């Protein structure tokens, strides 16, 4: 097997192999001593659920989104402060849930680029968003637990809101003639 230099591949190997995970976190590349079929299994993760220890993770950014392979379709991230720095676009990812996470406006903007085919976005207990902008053209479902919502929609085709906790709401529609 050839040398691995992709940090996402390295992260997936850490996820699958407990013994590999105990190796140094500073490794930038590694020579795999496994069959190509085993390596291909690492790349075929379709659904991934990641949870961190919140008391520690709320104070440090995590590269856990790098574990999401280019083949992954669904992802659940809990109790983390995920970083999107250096994250490659994931065109197969169609569903992501961020639960009890910290997410900055800049990270959400980068996620718009990295998840171009996202259809389902669940933001449950997400903190630190001040002026969030969601620009996902394939988005069909967005669930977001919040109390205040200011929504600016440009050329909406469908808008469905279920807002059980919402107390403050502002809605602006632009070019809604097909709505």
C-alpha atoms as a PDB file:
ATOM      1  CA  UNK A   1       0.000   0.000   0.000  1.00  0.00           C
ATOM      2  CA  UNK A   2       1.327   3.422  -0.821  1.00  0.00           C
ATOM      3  CA  UNK A   3       1.981   6.290   1.544  1.00  0.00           C
ATOM      4  CA  UNK A   4      -1.050   8.132   2.907  1.00  0.00           C
ATOM      5  CA  UNK A   5      -0.667  11.899   2.976  1.00  0.00           C
ATOM      6  CA  UNK A   6      -4.304  13.016   3.079  1.00  0.00           C
ATOM      7  CA  UNK A   7      -5.254  14.087   6.620  1.00  0.00           C
ATOM      8  CA  UNK A   8      -8.855  12.934   6.064  1.00  0.00           C
ATOM      9  CA  UNK A   9      -7.664   9.417   5.175  1.00  0.00           C
ATOM     10  CA  UNK A  10      -5.408   9.463   8.215  1.00  0.00           C
ATOM     11  CA  UNK A  11      -8.333  10.504  10.439  1.00  0.00           C
ATOM     12  CA  UNK A  12     -10.538   7.730   9.045  1.00  0.00           C
ATOM     13  CA  UNK A  13      -7.837   5.181   9.832  1.00  0.00           C
ATOM     14  CA  UNK A  14      -7.683   6.482  13.409  1.00  0.00           C
ATOM     15  CA  UNK A  15     -11.444   6.135  13.682  1.00  0.00           C
ATOM     16  CA  UNK A  16     -11.493   2.504  12.523  1.00  0.00           C
ATOM     17  CA  UNK A  17      -8.358   1.196  14.194  1.00  0.00           C
ATOM     18  CA  UNK A  18      -8.014   1.465  17.979  1.00  0.00           C
ATOM     19  CA  UNK A  19      -4.345   0.541  17.861  1.00  0.00           C
ATOM     20  CA  UNK A  20      -3.654   3.117  15.179  1.00  0.00           C
ATOM     21  CA  UNK A  21      -5.506   5.736  17.219  1.00  0.00           C
ATOM     22  CA  UNK A  22      -2.995   5.323  20.043  1.00  0.00           C
ATOM     23  CA  UNK A  23      -0.169   6.346  17.722  1.00  0.00           C
ATOM     24  CA  UNK A  24       1.120   9.880  17.717  1.00  0.00           C
ATOM     25  CA  UNK A  25      -1.429  12.562  16.757  1.00  0.00           C
ATOM     26  CA  UNK A  26       1.370  14.484  15.071  1.00  0.00           C
ATOM     27  CA  UNK A  27       1.721  11.977  12.226  1.00  0.00           C
ATOM     28  CA  UNK A  28       1.235  13.641   8.835  1.00  0.00           C
ATOM     29  CA  UNK A  29       1.518  10.490   6.809  1.00  0.00           C
ATOM     30  CA  UNK A  30       1.821   6.770   7.320  1.00  0.00           C
ATOM     31  CA  UNK A  31       2.702   3.674   5.362  1.00  0.00           C
ATOM     32  CA  UNK A  32      -0.228   1.286   5.538  1.00  0.00           C
ATOM     33  CA  UNK A  33       0.516  -2.379   6.059  1.00  0.00           C
ATOM     34  CA  UNK A  34      -2.913  -3.671   5.163  1.00  0.00           C
ATOM     35  CA  UNK A  35      -4.619  -5.060   2.120  1.00  0.00           C
ATOM     36  CA  UNK A  36      -6.168  -2.741  -0.393  1.00  0.00           C
ATOM     37  CA  UNK A  37      -9.599  -4.253   0.335  1.00  0.00           C
ATOM     38  CA  UNK A  38      -9.341  -3.236   3.997  1.00  0.00           C
ATOM     39  CA  UNK A  39      -8.268   0.248   3.001  1.00  0.00           C
ATOM     40  CA  UNK A  40     -11.256   0.517   0.651  1.00  0.00           C
ATOM     41  CA  UNK A  41     -13.575  -0.452   3.525  1.00  0.00           C
ATOM     42  CA  UNK A  42     -12.276   2.570   5.434  1.00  0.00           C
ATOM     43  CA  UNK A  43     -13.370   4.783   2.553  1.00  0.00           C
ATOM     44  CA  UNK A  44     -16.875   3.302   2.391  1.00  0.00           C
ATOM     45  CA  UNK A  45     -18.310   4.781   5.566  1.00  0.00           C
ATOM     46  CA  UNK A  46     -21.841   5.895   4.613  1.00  0.00           C
ATOM     47  CA  UNK A  47     -23.095   7.114   7.992  1.00  0.00           C
ATOM     48  CA  UNK A  48     -20.965   8.495  10.788  1.00  0.00           C
ATOM     49  CA  UNK A  49     -21.824   9.564  14.336  1.00  0.00           C
ATOM     50  CA  UNK A  50     -19.217  11.457  16.370  1.00  0.00           C
ATOM     51  CA  UNK A  51     -19.544  12.622  19.962  1.00  0.00           C
ATOM     52  CA  UNK A  52     -16.988  14.410  22.117  1.00  0.00           C
ATOM     53  CA  UNK A  53     -16.703  15.160  25.854  1.00  0.00           C
ATOM     54  CA  UNK A  54     -18.352  18.616  25.994  1.00  0.00           C
ATOM     55  CA  UNK A  55     -16.574  19.947  29.091  1.00  0.00           C
ATOM     56  CA  UNK A  56     -13.275  19.744  27.199  1.00  0.00           C
ATOM     57  CA  UNK A  57     -14.428  20.151  23.612  1.00  0.00           C
ATOM     58  CA  UNK A  58     -16.240  23.469  24.118  1.00  0.00           C
ATOM     59  CA  UNK A  59     -12.844  25.120  24.715  1.00  0.00           C
ATOM     60  CA  UNK A  60     -10.931  23.677  21.770  1.00  0.00           C
ATOM     61  CA  UNK A  61     -11.648  23.399  18.083  1.00  0.00           C
ATOM     62  CA  UNK A  62     -11.866  19.891  16.742  1.00  0.00           C
ATOM     63  CA  UNK A  63     -10.992  18.526  13.311  1.00  0.00           C
ATOM     64  CA  UNK A  64     -13.641  15.817  13.617  1.00  0.00           C
ATOM     65  CA  UNK A  65     -15.330  16.854  10.369  1.00  0.00           C
ATOM     66  CA  UNK A  66     -12.173  15.615   8.639  1.00  0.00           C
ATOM     67  CA  UNK A  67     -13.376  12.122   9.567  1.00  0.00           C
ATOM     68  CA  UNK A  68     -16.263  12.518   7.180  1.00  0.00           C
ATOM     69  CA  UNK A  69     -15.126  10.713   4.073  1.00  0.00           C
ATOM     70  CA  UNK A  70     -15.910  11.746   0.549  1.00  0.00           C
ATOM     71  CA  UNK A  71     -18.263   8.730   0.459  1.00  0.00           C
ATOM     72  CA  UNK A  72     -20.204   9.600   3.616  1.00  0.00           C
ATOM     73  CA  UNK A  73     -23.878  10.451   3.094  1.00  0.00           C
ATOM     74  CA  UNK A  74     -25.011  11.146   6.680  1.00  0.00           C
ATOM     75  CA  UNK A  75     -23.183  12.633   9.655  1.00  0.00           C
ATOM     76  CA  UNK A  76     -24.100  13.348  13.277  1.00  0.00           C
ATOM     77  CA  UNK A  77     -21.758  15.494  15.395  1.00  0.00           C
ATOM     78  CA  UNK A  78     -22.489  15.946  19.113  1.00  0.00           C
ATOM     79  CA  UNK A  79     -20.826  17.899  21.892  1.00  0.00           C
ATOM     80  CA  UNK A  80     -18.069  19.487  19.824  1.00  0.00           C
ATOM     81  CA  UNK A  81     -16.673  22.675  18.349  1.00  0.00           C
ATOM     82  CA  UNK A  82     -16.096  21.467  14.794  1.00  0.00           C
ATOM     83  CA  UNK A  83     -13.580  23.277  12.628  1.00  0.00           C
ATOM     84  CA  UNK A  84     -13.987  23.515   8.882  1.00  0.00           C
ATOM     85  CA  UNK A  85     -10.479  24.870   8.278  1.00  0.00           C
ATOM     86  CA  UNK A  86      -8.916  22.960   5.404  1.00  0.00           C
ATOM     87  CA  UNK A  87     -12.043  20.859   4.925  1.00  0.00           C
ATOM     88  CA  UNK A  88     -12.451  19.599   1.369  1.00  0.00           C
ATOM     89  CA  UNK A  89     -15.877  19.736  -0.301  1.00  0.00           C
ATOM     90  CA  UNK A  90     -17.971  16.641   0.423  1.00  0.00           C
ATOM     91  CA  UNK A  91     -20.298  16.317  -2.585  1.00  0.00           C
ATOM     92  CA  UNK A  92     -21.932  13.071  -1.386  1.00  0.00           C
ATOM     93  CA  UNK A  93     -22.924  14.353   2.069  1.00  0.00           C
ATOM     94  CA  UNK A  94     -26.699  14.859   2.020  1.00  0.00           C
ATOM     95  CA  UNK A  95     -27.534  15.032   5.741  1.00  0.00           C
ATOM     96  CA  UNK A  96     -25.741  16.524   8.736  1.00  0.00           C
ATOM     97  CA  UNK A  97     -26.896  17.002  12.313  1.00  0.00           C
ATOM     98  CA  UNK A  98     -24.960  19.231  14.688  1.00  0.00           C
ATOM     99  CA  UNK A  99     -26.193  18.726  18.239  1.00  0.00           C
ATOM    100  CA  UNK A 100     -24.959  20.644  21.288  1.00  0.00           C
ATOM    101  CA  UNK A 101     -22.144  22.119  19.240  1.00  0.00           C
ATOM    102  CA  UNK A 102     -20.418  25.441  18.969  1.00  0.00           C
ATOM    103  CA  UNK A 103     -20.437  26.871  15.456  1.00  0.00           C
ATOM    104  CA  UNK A 104     -19.235  30.307  14.391  1.00  0.00           C
ATOM    105  CA  UNK A 105     -20.756  32.286  11.515  1.00  0.00           C
ATOM    106  CA  UNK A 106     -17.536  31.828   9.497  1.00  0.00           C
ATOM    107  CA  UNK A 107     -17.718  28.050   9.961  1.00  0.00           C
ATOM    108  CA  UNK A 108     -21.322  27.988   8.750  1.00  0.00           C
ATOM    109  CA  UNK A 109     -20.357  30.038   5.691  1.00  0.00           C
ATOM    110  CA  UNK A 110     -17.546  27.587   4.890  1.00  0.00           C
ATOM    111  CA  UNK A 111     -19.979  24.696   5.387  1.00  0.00           C
ATOM    112  CA  UNK A 112     -22.148  26.226   2.652  1.00  0.00           C
ATOM    113  CA  UNK A 113     -19.231  25.617   0.276  1.00  0.00           C
ATOM    114  CA  UNK A 114     -18.109  22.249   1.666  1.00  0.00           C
ATOM    115  CA  UNK A 115     -21.566  20.619   1.621  1.00  0.00           C
ATOM    116  CA  UNK A 116     -22.917  21.550  -1.834  1.00  0.00           C
ATOM    117  CA  UNK A 117     -25.483  18.716  -2.031  1.00  0.00           C
ATOM    118  CA  UNK A 118     -26.780  18.921   1.527  1.00  0.00           C
ATOM    119  CA  UNK A 119     -30.513  18.215   1.690  1.00  0.00           C
ATOM    120  CA  UNK A 120     -31.022  17.912   5.461  1.00  0.00           C
ATOM    121  CA  UNK A 121     -29.468  20.272   8.009  1.00  0.00           C
ATOM    122  CA  UNK A 122     -30.299  19.841  11.699  1.00  0.00           C
ATOM    123  CA  UNK A 123     -28.926  22.428  14.126  1.00  0.00           C
ATOM    124  CA  UNK A 124     -29.940  21.365  17.626  1.00  0.00           C
ATOM    125  CA  UNK A 125     -28.611  23.400  20.528  1.00  0.00           C
ATOM    126  CA  UNK A 126     -25.981  25.123  18.354  1.00  0.00           C
ATOM    127  CA  UNK A 127     -24.355  28.118  20.002  1.00  0.00           C
ATOM    128  CA  UNK A 128     -22.249  31.112  18.907  1.00  0.00           C
ATOM    129  CA  UNK A 129     -24.127  31.887  15.676  1.00  0.00           C
ATOM    130  CA  UNK A 130     -24.764  35.633  15.509  1.00  0.00           C
ATOM    131  CA  UNK A 131     -25.602  36.349  11.839  1.00  0.00           C
ATOM    132  CA  UNK A 132     -25.983  32.905  10.255  1.00  0.00           C
ATOM    133  CA  UNK A 133     -26.311  32.582   6.496  1.00  0.00           C
ATOM    134  CA  UNK A 134     -27.424  29.301   4.976  1.00  0.00           C
ATOM    135  CA  UNK A 135     -26.884  29.092   1.214  1.00  0.00           C
ATOM    136  CA  UNK A 136     -27.538  25.478   0.336  1.00  0.00           C
ATOM    137  CA  UNK A 137     -29.364  25.123  -2.976  1.00  0.00           C
ATOM    138  CA  UNK A 138     -30.398  21.482  -2.482  1.00  0.00           C
ATOM    139  CA  UNK A 139     -31.590  21.952   1.110  1.00  0.00           C
ATOM    140  CA  UNK A 140     -35.018  20.397   1.651  1.00  0.00           C
ATOM    141  CA  UNK A 141     -35.182  20.237   5.441  1.00  0.00           C
ATOM    142  CA  UNK A 142     -33.642  22.538   8.025  1.00  0.00           C
ATOM    143  CA  UNK A 143     -34.394  21.953  11.705  1.00  0.00           C
ATOM    144  CA  UNK A 144     -33.093  24.498  14.119  1.00  0.00           C
ATOM    145  CA  UNK A 145     -33.917  24.862  17.806  1.00  0.00           C
ATOM    146  CA  UNK A 146     -34.029  28.576  18.554  1.00  0.00           C
ATOM    147  CA  UNK A 147     -36.146  31.280  20.160  1.00  0.00           C
ATOM    148  CA  UNK A 148     -35.513  34.221  17.789  1.00  0.00           C
ATOM    149  CA  UNK A 149     -35.496  33.965  13.983  1.00  0.00           C
ATOM    150  CA  UNK A 150     -34.868  36.532  11.272  1.00  0.00           C
ATOM    151  CA  UNK A 151     -35.302  34.854   7.909  1.00  0.00           C
ATOM    152  CA  UNK A 152     -34.452  36.433   4.548  1.00  0.00           C
ATOM    153  CA  UNK A 153     -35.435  34.162   1.668  1.00  0.00           C
ATOM    154  CA  UNK A 154     -34.372  34.847  -1.920  1.00  0.00           C
ATOM    155  CA  UNK A 155     -36.468  33.146  -4.599  1.00  0.00           C
ATOM    156  CA  UNK A 156     -37.986  30.567  -2.240  1.00  0.00           C
ATOM    157  CA  UNK A 157     -39.780  27.613  -3.756  1.00  0.00           C
ATOM    158  CA  UNK A 158     -41.073  26.223  -0.479  1.00  0.00           C
ATOM    159  CA  UNK A 159     -40.934  27.384   3.101  1.00  0.00           C
ATOM    160  CA  UNK A 160     -42.166  25.241   5.973  1.00  0.00           C
ATOM    161  CA  UNK A 161     -41.632  26.342   9.548  1.00  0.00           C
ATOM    162  CA  UNK A 162     -42.440  24.436  12.706  1.00  0.00           C
ATOM    163  CA  UNK A 163     -41.556  26.767  15.527  1.00  0.00           C
ATOM    164  CA  UNK A 164     -42.677  25.476  18.888  1.00  0.00           C
ATOM    165  CA  UNK A 165     -40.246  27.601  20.941  1.00  0.00           C
ATOM    166  CA  UNK A 166     -40.056  30.647  18.663  1.00  0.00           C
ATOM    167  CA  UNK A 167     -41.095  33.914  20.321  1.00  0.00           C
ATOM    168  CA  UNK A 168     -39.533  36.550  18.005  1.00  0.00           C
ATOM    169  CA  UNK A 169     -39.906  36.151  14.223  1.00  0.00           C
ATOM    170  CA  UNK A 170     -39.083  38.322  11.175  1.00  0.00           C
ATOM    171  CA  UNK A 171     -39.643  37.094   7.602  1.00  0.00           C
ATOM    172  CA  UNK A 172     -38.532  38.757   4.372  1.00  0.00           C
ATOM    173  CA  UNK A 173     -39.237  37.246   0.944  1.00  0.00           C
ATOM    174  CA  UNK A 174     -37.434  38.433  -2.220  1.00  0.00           C
ATOM    175  CA  UNK A 175     -38.594  37.450  -5.704  1.00  0.00           C
ATOM    176  CA  UNK A 176     -41.287  35.220  -4.300  1.00  0.00           C
ATOM    177  CA  UNK A 177     -43.477  35.349  -7.405  1.00  0.00           C
ATOM    178  CA  UNK A 178     -43.139  31.540  -7.859  1.00  0.00           C
ATOM    179  CA  UNK A 179     -43.800  30.885  -4.187  1.00  0.00           C
END
